[in-house]
Amino acid sequence: MDVIYERCCGIDVHKDMLMACIFTGVRKKEIRKFGTMTDDILELVQWLKDTNCFVAAMESTGVYWKPVYNILEEEGIEVIVVNAQHIKAVPGRKTDVKDAEWIAELVRHGLVKSSFIPSREQRELREMVRYRNEIVNERARELNRIQAVLEGANIKLCSVISDISGKSGIAILHALIDGKTDAQYLSTLVYGKLKEKIPQLQKALKGSVGVHQMQMLHLQMQHIDFLTNAISEMDEDIKKKQQIVKSI
């Protein structure tokens, strides 16, 4: 088979260990083991540079490849990230061949295709968006817990107000936390079109809110406030990152 890369490195990535194999000639190869701390990865980089190897490949399994990729990319090493299923599908692998050596062998002969890896700015933007979605989902779960506490106290707020996280719902929740449980008073805390539903609210807000429910609501609302602020911060950070990505 034709040799595409005379010098290349295959890296088998694990949580706490990197096994790397470098081909430096037709029959010359060297295998070394590294840790996964930053200094360890930089040691791998230095080894690659010392052997004039500027092409490295690894499988895209889990998340452990990402810091290795980032550092190699920063150091000017061409990184080929290959799909693990594609590597397994290539025929001819023998059980006694180490993974790092097998990856290097495939890359050396051009038998694997590199996966598309977005730029670092795009990767960071995706990570931020995913995390924001997780926070939004957690906020929704916390709101469901608040609804459960209200139902346990026979407060049917959700039957009248579709979104208890709105201005009116928050005002009523804070009043309940402060011990103000009179249904007639609570019904006056609403805004806008909800004022038309005051009679329904007076019935819905008549329940039995004890100290336990007040404490639960207090803690849950603290969590809601924290998550709401986190979402706002993430929105600002995402806007800034989007501007950077667009400018590239």
C-alpha atoms as a PDB file:
ATOM      1  CA  MET A   1       0.000   0.000   0.000  1.00  0.00           C
ATOM      2  CA  ASP A   2       1.086   3.540  -0.696  1.00  0.00           C
ATOM      3  CA  VAL A   3       2.420   5.536   2.211  1.00  0.00           C
ATOM      4  CA  ILE A   4       0.611   8.872   2.511  1.00  0.00           C
ATOM      5  CA  TYR A   5       2.355  10.084   5.651  1.00  0.00           C
ATOM      6  CA  GLU A   6       5.987   9.022   6.114  1.00  0.00           C
ATOM      7  CA  ARG A   7       5.877  10.305   9.692  1.00  0.00           C
ATOM      8  CA  CYS A   8       2.653  10.139  11.653  1.00  0.00           C
ATOM      9  CA  CYS A   9       1.430   9.344  15.135  1.00  0.00           C
ATOM     10  CA  GLY A  10      -1.513   7.324  16.366  1.00  0.00           C
ATOM     11  CA  ILE A  11      -2.818   8.149  19.828  1.00  0.00           C
ATOM     12  CA  ASP A  12      -5.016   5.844  21.879  1.00  0.00           C
ATOM     13  CA  VAL A  13      -6.780   8.150  24.331  1.00  0.00           C
ATOM     14  CA  HIS A  14      -8.006   7.049  27.755  1.00  0.00           C
ATOM     15  CA  LYS A  15      -9.161   8.971  30.828  1.00  0.00           C
ATOM     16  CA  ASP A  16      -5.784   8.908  32.579  1.00  0.00           C
ATOM     17  CA  MET A  17      -3.422   7.615  29.907  1.00  0.00           C
ATOM     18  CA  LEU A  18      -2.327   8.290  26.333  1.00  0.00           C
ATOM     19  CA  MET A  19      -0.626   5.565  24.328  1.00  0.00           C
ATOM     20  CA  ALA A  20       1.140   7.015  21.301  1.00  0.00           C
ATOM     21  CA  CYS A  21       2.847   5.286  18.393  1.00  0.00           C
ATOM     22  CA  ILE A  22       5.025   7.196  15.924  1.00  0.00           C
ATOM     23  CA  PHE A  23       6.124   5.877  12.543  1.00  0.00           C
ATOM     24  CA  THR A  24       9.397   7.557  11.597  1.00  0.00           C
ATOM     25  CA  GLY A  25      10.305   5.445   8.574  1.00  0.00           C
ATOM     26  CA  VAL A  26       9.377   2.411   6.530  1.00  0.00           C
ATOM     27  CA  ARG A  27       9.875  -0.030   9.398  1.00  0.00           C
ATOM     28  CA  LYS A  28      10.711   2.321  12.228  1.00  0.00           C
ATOM     29  CA  LYS A  29       8.217   2.965  14.957  1.00  0.00           C
ATOM     30  CA  GLU A  30       8.280   3.960  18.576  1.00  0.00           C
ATOM     31  CA  ILE A  31       5.620   3.616  21.242  1.00  0.00           C
ATOM     32  CA  ARG A  32       5.400   5.734  24.376  1.00  0.00           C
ATOM     33  CA  LYS A  33       2.932   6.137  27.203  1.00  0.00           C
ATOM     34  CA  PHE A  34       1.888   9.547  28.578  1.00  0.00           C
ATOM     35  CA  GLY A  35      -0.425  10.858  31.249  1.00  0.00           C
ATOM     36  CA  THR A  36      -3.341  13.165  30.454  1.00  0.00           C
ATOM     37  CA  MET A  37      -2.375  16.222  32.517  1.00  0.00           C
ATOM     38  CA  THR A  38      -1.452  19.339  30.531  1.00  0.00           C
ATOM     39  CA  ASP A  39       2.269  18.888  31.185  1.00  0.00           C
ATOM     40  CA  ASP A  40       1.999  15.276  29.994  1.00  0.00           C
ATOM     41  CA  ILE A  41       0.314  16.313  26.755  1.00  0.00           C
ATOM     42  CA  LEU A  42       2.953  19.003  26.224  1.00  0.00           C
ATOM     43  CA  GLU A  43       5.580  16.293  26.698  1.00  0.00           C
ATOM     44  CA  LEU A  44       3.848  14.343  23.917  1.00  0.00           C
ATOM     45  CA  VAL A  45       3.937  17.461  21.745  1.00  0.00           C
ATOM     46  CA  GLN A  46       7.654  17.873  22.336  1.00  0.00           C
ATOM     47  CA  TRP A  47       8.235  14.231  21.414  1.00  0.00           C
ATOM     48  CA  LEU A  48       6.319  14.759  18.162  1.00  0.00           C
ATOM     49  CA  LYS A  49       8.345  17.843  17.339  1.00  0.00           C
ATOM     50  CA  ASP A  50      11.651  16.155  18.207  1.00  0.00           C
ATOM     51  CA  THR A  51      10.847  13.395  15.728  1.00  0.00           C
ATOM     52  CA  ASN A  52       9.630  15.843  13.076  1.00  0.00           C
ATOM     53  CA  CYS A  53       6.168  14.310  13.261  1.00  0.00           C
ATOM     54  CA  PHE A  54       3.494  16.925  12.631  1.00  0.00           C
ATOM     55  CA  VAL A  55       0.520  14.655  11.936  1.00  0.00           C
ATOM     56  CA  ALA A  56      -1.333  12.881  14.740  1.00  0.00           C
ATOM     57  CA  ALA A  57      -4.569  10.896  14.765  1.00  0.00           C
ATOM     58  CA  MET A  58      -6.937   9.717  17.478  1.00  0.00           C
ATOM     59  CA  GLU A  59     -10.430   8.280  17.876  1.00  0.00           C
ATOM     60  CA  SER A  60     -13.350  10.592  18.659  1.00  0.00           C
ATOM     61  CA  THR A  61     -14.629   8.618  21.616  1.00  0.00           C
ATOM     62  CA  GLY A  62     -16.026  10.243  24.765  1.00  0.00           C
ATOM     63  CA  VAL A  63     -14.699  13.655  25.773  1.00  0.00           C
ATOM     64  CA  TYR A  64     -11.115  12.720  26.600  1.00  0.00           C
ATOM     65  CA  TRP A  65      -9.808  13.496  23.114  1.00  0.00           C
ATOM     66  CA  LYS A  66     -10.857  17.171  23.317  1.00  0.00           C
ATOM     67  CA  PRO A  67      -8.061  18.579  25.550  1.00  0.00           C
ATOM     68  CA  VAL A  68      -5.489  16.575  23.590  1.00  0.00           C
ATOM     69  CA  TYR A  69      -6.872  17.982  20.349  1.00  0.00           C
ATOM     70  CA  ASN A  70      -6.876  21.547  21.689  1.00  0.00           C
ATOM     71  CA  ILE A  71      -3.244  21.445  22.787  1.00  0.00           C
ATOM     72  CA  LEU A  72      -1.990  19.725  19.639  1.00  0.00           C
ATOM     73  CA  GLU A  73      -3.890  22.257  17.536  1.00  0.00           C
ATOM     74  CA  GLU A  74      -2.367  25.169  19.469  1.00  0.00           C
ATOM     75  CA  GLU A  75       1.108  23.695  18.976  1.00  0.00           C
ATOM     76  CA  GLY A  76       0.756  23.482  15.203  1.00  0.00           C
ATOM     77  CA  ILE A  77       0.289  19.719  14.960  1.00  0.00           C
ATOM     78  CA  GLU A  78      -2.149  18.552  12.272  1.00  0.00           C
ATOM     79  CA  VAL A  79      -4.750  16.485  14.088  1.00  0.00           C
ATOM     80  CA  ILE A  80      -6.913  13.863  12.408  1.00  0.00           C
ATOM     81  CA  VAL A  81      -9.910  12.813  14.480  1.00  0.00           C
ATOM     82  CA  VAL A  82     -11.422   9.605  13.157  1.00  0.00           C
ATOM     83  CA  ASN A  83     -14.713   7.919  13.927  1.00  0.00           C
ATOM     84  CA  ALA A  84     -14.226   4.888  16.155  1.00  0.00           C
ATOM     85  CA  GLN A  85     -16.786   2.854  14.198  1.00  0.00           C
ATOM     86  CA  HIS A  86     -14.969   3.571  10.951  1.00  0.00           C
ATOM     87  CA  ILE A  87     -11.696   2.280  12.400  1.00  0.00           C
ATOM     88  CA  LYS A  88     -13.401  -0.901  13.575  1.00  0.00           C
ATOM     89  CA  ALA A  89     -14.892  -1.406  10.119  1.00  0.00           C
ATOM     90  CA  VAL A  90     -11.498  -1.394   8.372  1.00  0.00           C
ATOM     91  CA  PRO A  91     -10.562  -5.044   7.715  1.00  0.00           C
ATOM     92  CA  GLY A  92      -7.235  -6.624   8.598  1.00  0.00           C
ATOM     93  CA  ARG A  93      -6.846  -5.697  12.236  1.00  0.00           C
ATOM     94  CA  LYS A  94      -5.148  -8.324  14.354  1.00  0.00           C
ATOM     95  CA  THR A  95      -5.838  -8.816  18.032  1.00  0.00           C
ATOM     96  CA  ASP A  96      -2.183  -8.427  19.026  1.00  0.00           C
ATOM     97  CA  VAL A  97      -1.835  -4.992  17.432  1.00  0.00           C
ATOM     98  CA  LYS A  98      -2.007  -2.129  19.898  1.00  0.00           C
ATOM     99  CA  ASP A  99      -4.699   0.475  19.260  1.00  0.00           C
ATOM    100  CA  ALA A 100      -2.249   3.361  18.903  1.00  0.00           C
ATOM    101  CA  GLU A 101      -0.179   1.408  16.390  1.00  0.00           C
ATOM    102  CA  TRP A 102      -3.271   0.421  14.442  1.00  0.00           C
ATOM    103  CA  ILE A 103      -4.494   4.032  14.232  1.00  0.00           C
ATOM    104  CA  ALA A 104      -1.071   5.188  13.078  1.00  0.00           C
ATOM    105  CA  GLU A 105      -0.916   2.407  10.484  1.00  0.00           C
ATOM    106  CA  LEU A 106      -4.303   3.336   9.026  1.00  0.00           C
ATOM    107  CA  VAL A 107      -3.509   7.046   8.882  1.00  0.00           C
ATOM    108  CA  ARG A 108      -0.068   6.345   7.399  1.00  0.00           C
ATOM    109  CA  HIS A 109      -1.714   4.653   4.408  1.00  0.00           C
ATOM    110  CA  GLY A 110      -4.657   7.048   4.136  1.00  0.00           C
ATOM    111  CA  LEU A 111      -7.238   4.429   5.088  1.00  0.00           C
ATOM    112  CA  VAL A 112      -9.304   6.620   7.410  1.00  0.00           C
ATOM    113  CA  LYS A 113     -11.212   9.822   6.879  1.00  0.00           C
ATOM    114  CA  SER A 114     -10.944  12.716   9.276  1.00  0.00           C
ATOM    115  CA  SER A 115     -14.145  13.778  11.007  1.00  0.00           C
ATOM    116  CA  PHE A 116     -15.174  17.408  10.635  1.00  0.00           C
ATOM    117  CA  ILE A 117     -14.058  19.355  13.684  1.00  0.00           C
ATOM    118  CA  PRO A 118     -15.378  22.939  13.929  1.00  0.00           C
ATOM    119  CA  SER A 119     -13.050  25.760  14.892  1.00  0.00           C
ATOM    120  CA  ARG A 120     -12.264  26.227  18.559  1.00  0.00           C
ATOM    121  CA  GLU A 121     -14.585  29.246  18.754  1.00  0.00           C
ATOM    122  CA  GLN A 122     -17.428  27.232  17.231  1.00  0.00           C
ATOM    123  CA  ARG A 123     -16.791  24.321  19.602  1.00  0.00           C
ATOM    124  CA  GLU A 124     -16.875  26.668  22.576  1.00  0.00           C
ATOM    125  CA  LEU A 125     -20.095  28.268  21.301  1.00  0.00           C
ATOM    126  CA  ARG A 126     -21.751  24.856  20.969  1.00  0.00           C
ATOM    127  CA  GLU A 127     -20.643  23.952  24.473  1.00  0.00           C
ATOM    128  CA  MET A 128     -22.111  27.177  25.852  1.00  0.00           C
ATOM    129  CA  VAL A 129     -25.431  26.660  24.038  1.00  0.00           C
ATOM    130  CA  ARG A 130     -25.689  23.072  25.290  1.00  0.00           C
ATOM    131  CA  TYR A 131     -25.010  24.188  28.854  1.00  0.00           C
ATOM    132  CA  ARG A 132     -27.599  26.965  28.586  1.00  0.00           C
ATOM    133  CA  ASN A 133     -30.166  24.395  27.462  1.00  0.00           C
ATOM    134  CA  GLU A 134     -29.321  22.264  30.474  1.00  0.00           C
ATOM    135  CA  ILE A 135     -29.878  25.237  32.791  1.00  0.00           C
ATOM    136  CA  VAL A 136     -33.215  26.018  31.111  1.00  0.00           C
ATOM    137  CA  ASN A 137     -34.292  22.401  31.562  1.00  0.00           C
ATOM    138  CA  GLU A 138     -33.232  22.434  35.212  1.00  0.00           C
ATOM    139  CA  ARG A 139     -35.243  25.623  35.772  1.00  0.00           C
ATOM    140  CA  ALA A 140     -38.296  23.931  34.248  1.00  0.00           C
ATOM    141  CA  ARG A 141     -37.828  20.952  36.579  1.00  0.00           C
ATOM    142  CA  GLU A 142     -37.590  23.265  39.585  1.00  0.00           C
ATOM    143  CA  LEU A 143     -40.813  24.986  38.534  1.00  0.00           C
ATOM    144  CA  ASN A 144     -42.468  21.569  38.404  1.00  0.00           C
ATOM    145  CA  ARG A 145     -41.295  20.968  41.974  1.00  0.00           C
ATOM    146  CA  ILE A 146     -42.857  24.277  43.035  1.00  0.00           C
ATOM    147  CA  GLN A 147     -46.127  23.221  41.435  1.00  0.00           C
ATOM    148  CA  ALA A 148     -45.975  19.964  43.370  1.00  0.00           C
ATOM    149  CA  VAL A 149     -45.526  21.847  46.672  1.00  0.00           C
ATOM    150  CA  LEU A 150     -48.466  24.139  45.830  1.00  0.00           C
ATOM    151  CA  GLU A 151     -50.658  21.161  44.975  1.00  0.00           C
ATOM    152  CA  GLY A 152     -49.715  19.566  48.278  1.00  0.00           C
ATOM    153  CA  ALA A 153     -50.999  22.698  50.024  1.00  0.00           C
ATOM    154  CA  ASN A 154     -54.130  22.649  47.782  1.00  0.00           C
ATOM    155  CA  ILE A 155     -53.114  25.901  46.132  1.00  0.00           C
ATOM    156  CA  LYS A 156     -54.456  25.626  42.563  1.00  0.00           C
ATOM    157  CA  LEU A 157     -52.485  28.544  41.163  1.00  0.00           C
ATOM    158  CA  CYS A 158     -51.477  26.594  38.062  1.00  0.00           C
ATOM    159  CA  SER A 159     -55.130  26.059  37.171  1.00  0.00           C
ATOM    160  CA  VAL A 160     -55.570  29.814  36.658  1.00  0.00           C
ATOM    161  CA  ILE A 161     -52.069  31.031  35.732  1.00  0.00           C
ATOM    162  CA  SER A 162     -50.448  29.074  32.914  1.00  0.00           C
ATOM    163  CA  ASP A 163     -46.929  30.317  33.707  1.00  0.00           C
ATOM    164  CA  ILE A 164     -46.189  30.653  37.412  1.00  0.00           C
ATOM    165  CA  SER A 165     -42.736  32.015  36.576  1.00  0.00           C
ATOM    166  CA  GLY A 166     -44.278  35.185  35.160  1.00  0.00           C
ATOM    167  CA  LYS A 167     -44.520  38.489  37.016  1.00  0.00           C
ATOM    168  CA  SER A 168     -47.864  37.679  38.666  1.00  0.00           C
ATOM    169  CA  GLY A 169     -46.906  34.128  39.643  1.00  0.00           C
ATOM    170  CA  ILE A 170     -43.603  35.237  41.170  1.00  0.00           C
ATOM    171  CA  ALA A 171     -45.329  37.981  43.180  1.00  0.00           C
ATOM    172  CA  ILE A 172     -47.789  35.463  44.644  1.00  0.00           C
ATOM    173  CA  LEU A 173     -45.046  32.937  45.411  1.00  0.00           C
ATOM    174  CA  HIS A 174     -42.958  35.524  47.264  1.00  0.00           C
ATOM    175  CA  ALA A 175     -46.024  36.578  49.248  1.00  0.00           C
ATOM    176  CA  LEU A 176     -46.658  32.944  50.252  1.00  0.00           C
ATOM    177  CA  ILE A 177     -43.019  32.603  51.324  1.00  0.00           C
ATOM    178  CA  ASP A 178     -43.456  35.713  53.517  1.00  0.00           C
ATOM    179  CA  GLY A 179     -46.404  34.047  55.245  1.00  0.00           C
ATOM    180  CA  LYS A 180     -49.137  36.034  53.500  1.00  0.00           C
ATOM    181  CA  THR A 181     -51.658  33.286  52.808  1.00  0.00           C
ATOM    182  CA  ASP A 182     -54.932  35.214  52.609  1.00  0.00           C
ATOM    183  CA  ALA A 183     -56.492  34.298  49.268  1.00  0.00           C
ATOM    184  CA  GLN A 184     -58.217  37.642  48.807  1.00  0.00           C
ATOM    185  CA  TYR A 185     -54.947  39.535  49.320  1.00  0.00           C
ATOM    186  CA  LEU A 186     -52.936  37.183  47.114  1.00  0.00           C
ATOM    187  CA  SER A 187     -55.412  37.561  44.244  1.00  0.00           C
ATOM    188  CA  THR A 188     -54.726  41.309  44.116  1.00  0.00           C
ATOM    189  CA  LEU A 189     -51.027  40.802  43.330  1.00  0.00           C
ATOM    190  CA  VAL A 190     -51.606  39.905  39.687  1.00  0.00           C
ATOM    191  CA  TYR A 191     -50.927  42.121  36.675  1.00  0.00           C
ATOM    192  CA  GLY A 192     -52.531  42.847  33.343  1.00  0.00           C
ATOM    193  CA  LYS A 193     -55.294  40.619  32.016  1.00  0.00           C
ATOM    194  CA  LEU A 194     -55.039  38.349  35.044  1.00  0.00           C
ATOM    195  CA  LYS A 195     -56.936  40.993  37.022  1.00  0.00           C
ATOM    196  CA  GLU A 196     -60.002  39.769  35.154  1.00  0.00           C
ATOM    197  CA  LYS A 197     -59.500  36.387  36.843  1.00  0.00           C
ATOM    198  CA  ILE A 198     -59.429  37.639  40.443  1.00  0.00           C
ATOM    199  CA  PRO A 199     -62.607  35.700  41.400  1.00  0.00           C
ATOM    200  CA  GLN A 200     -61.093  32.438  40.104  1.00  0.00           C
ATOM    201  CA  LEU A 201     -57.786  33.238  41.803  1.00  0.00           C
ATOM    202  CA  GLN A 202     -59.488  33.795  45.159  1.00  0.00           C
ATOM    203  CA  LYS A 203     -60.869  30.256  44.966  1.00  0.00           C
ATOM    204  CA  ALA A 204     -57.619  28.760  43.626  1.00  0.00           C
ATOM    205  CA  LEU A 205     -55.455  30.412  46.292  1.00  0.00           C
ATOM    206  CA  LYS A 206     -57.504  29.193  49.232  1.00  0.00           C
ATOM    207  CA  GLY A 207     -55.471  26.345  50.687  1.00  0.00           C
ATOM    208  CA  SER A 208     -53.385  25.289  53.640  1.00  0.00           C
ATOM    209  CA  VAL A 209     -49.836  26.641  53.421  1.00  0.00           C
ATOM    210  CA  GLY A 210     -47.776  25.679  56.456  1.00  0.00           C
ATOM    211  CA  VAL A 211     -44.260  26.487  57.615  1.00  0.00           C
ATOM    212  CA  HIS A 212     -42.901  23.436  55.797  1.00  0.00           C
ATOM    213  CA  GLN A 213     -44.348  24.534  52.437  1.00  0.00           C
ATOM    214  CA  MET A 214     -43.070  28.085  52.966  1.00  0.00           C
ATOM    215  CA  GLN A 215     -39.554  26.797  53.599  1.00  0.00           C
ATOM    216  CA  MET A 216     -39.684  24.532  50.555  1.00  0.00           C
ATOM    217  CA  LEU A 217     -40.921  27.374  48.348  1.00  0.00           C
ATOM    218  CA  HIS A 218     -38.224  29.663  49.758  1.00  0.00           C
ATOM    219  CA  LEU A 219     -35.437  27.259  48.807  1.00  0.00           C
ATOM    220  CA  GLN A 220     -36.949  26.509  45.420  1.00  0.00           C
ATOM    221  CA  MET A 221     -37.359  30.181  44.566  1.00  0.00           C
ATOM    222  CA  GLN A 222     -33.738  30.814  45.525  1.00  0.00           C
ATOM    223  CA  HIS A 223     -32.757  28.111  43.062  1.00  0.00           C
ATOM    224  CA  ILE A 224     -35.052  29.591  40.394  1.00  0.00           C
ATOM    225  CA  ASP A 225     -33.478  33.034  40.866  1.00  0.00           C
ATOM    226  CA  PHE A 226     -29.991  31.557  40.620  1.00  0.00           C
ATOM    227  CA  LEU A 227     -30.851  29.665  37.425  1.00  0.00           C
ATOM    228  CA  THR A 228     -32.588  32.704  35.899  1.00  0.00           C
ATOM    229  CA  ASN A 229     -29.499  34.854  36.498  1.00  0.00           C
ATOM    230  CA  ALA A 230     -27.273  32.118  35.083  1.00  0.00           C
ATOM    231  CA  ILE A 231     -29.394  31.983  31.906  1.00  0.00           C
ATOM    232  CA  SER A 232     -29.107  35.768  31.504  1.00  0.00           C
ATOM    233  CA  GLU A 233     -25.329  35.613  31.905  1.00  0.00           C
ATOM    234  CA  MET A 234     -25.120  32.761  29.412  1.00  0.00           C
ATOM    235  CA  ASP A 235     -27.204  34.754  26.907  1.00  0.00           C
ATOM    236  CA  GLU A 236     -24.717  37.611  27.066  1.00  0.00           C
ATOM    237  CA  ASP A 237     -21.722  35.303  26.739  1.00  0.00           C
ATOM    238  CA  ILE A 238     -23.318  33.484  23.809  1.00  0.00           C
ATOM    239  CA  LYS A 239     -23.979  36.774  21.982  1.00  0.00           C
ATOM    240  CA  LYS A 240     -20.325  37.770  22.391  1.00  0.00           C
ATOM    241  CA  LYS A 241     -19.123  34.364  21.204  1.00  0.00           C
ATOM    242  CA  GLN A 242     -21.473  34.469  18.203  1.00  0.00           C
ATOM    243  CA  GLN A 243     -19.978  37.796  17.165  1.00  0.00           C
ATOM    244  CA  ILE A 244     -16.487  36.291  17.344  1.00  0.00           C
ATOM    245  CA  VAL A 245     -17.545  33.270  15.267  1.00  0.00           C
ATOM    246  CA  LYS A 246     -19.157  35.508  12.629  1.00  0.00           C
ATOM    247  CA  SER A 247     -15.996  37.593  12.346  1.00  0.00           C
ATOM    248  CA  ILE A 248     -13.798  34.598  11.571  1.00  0.00           C
END
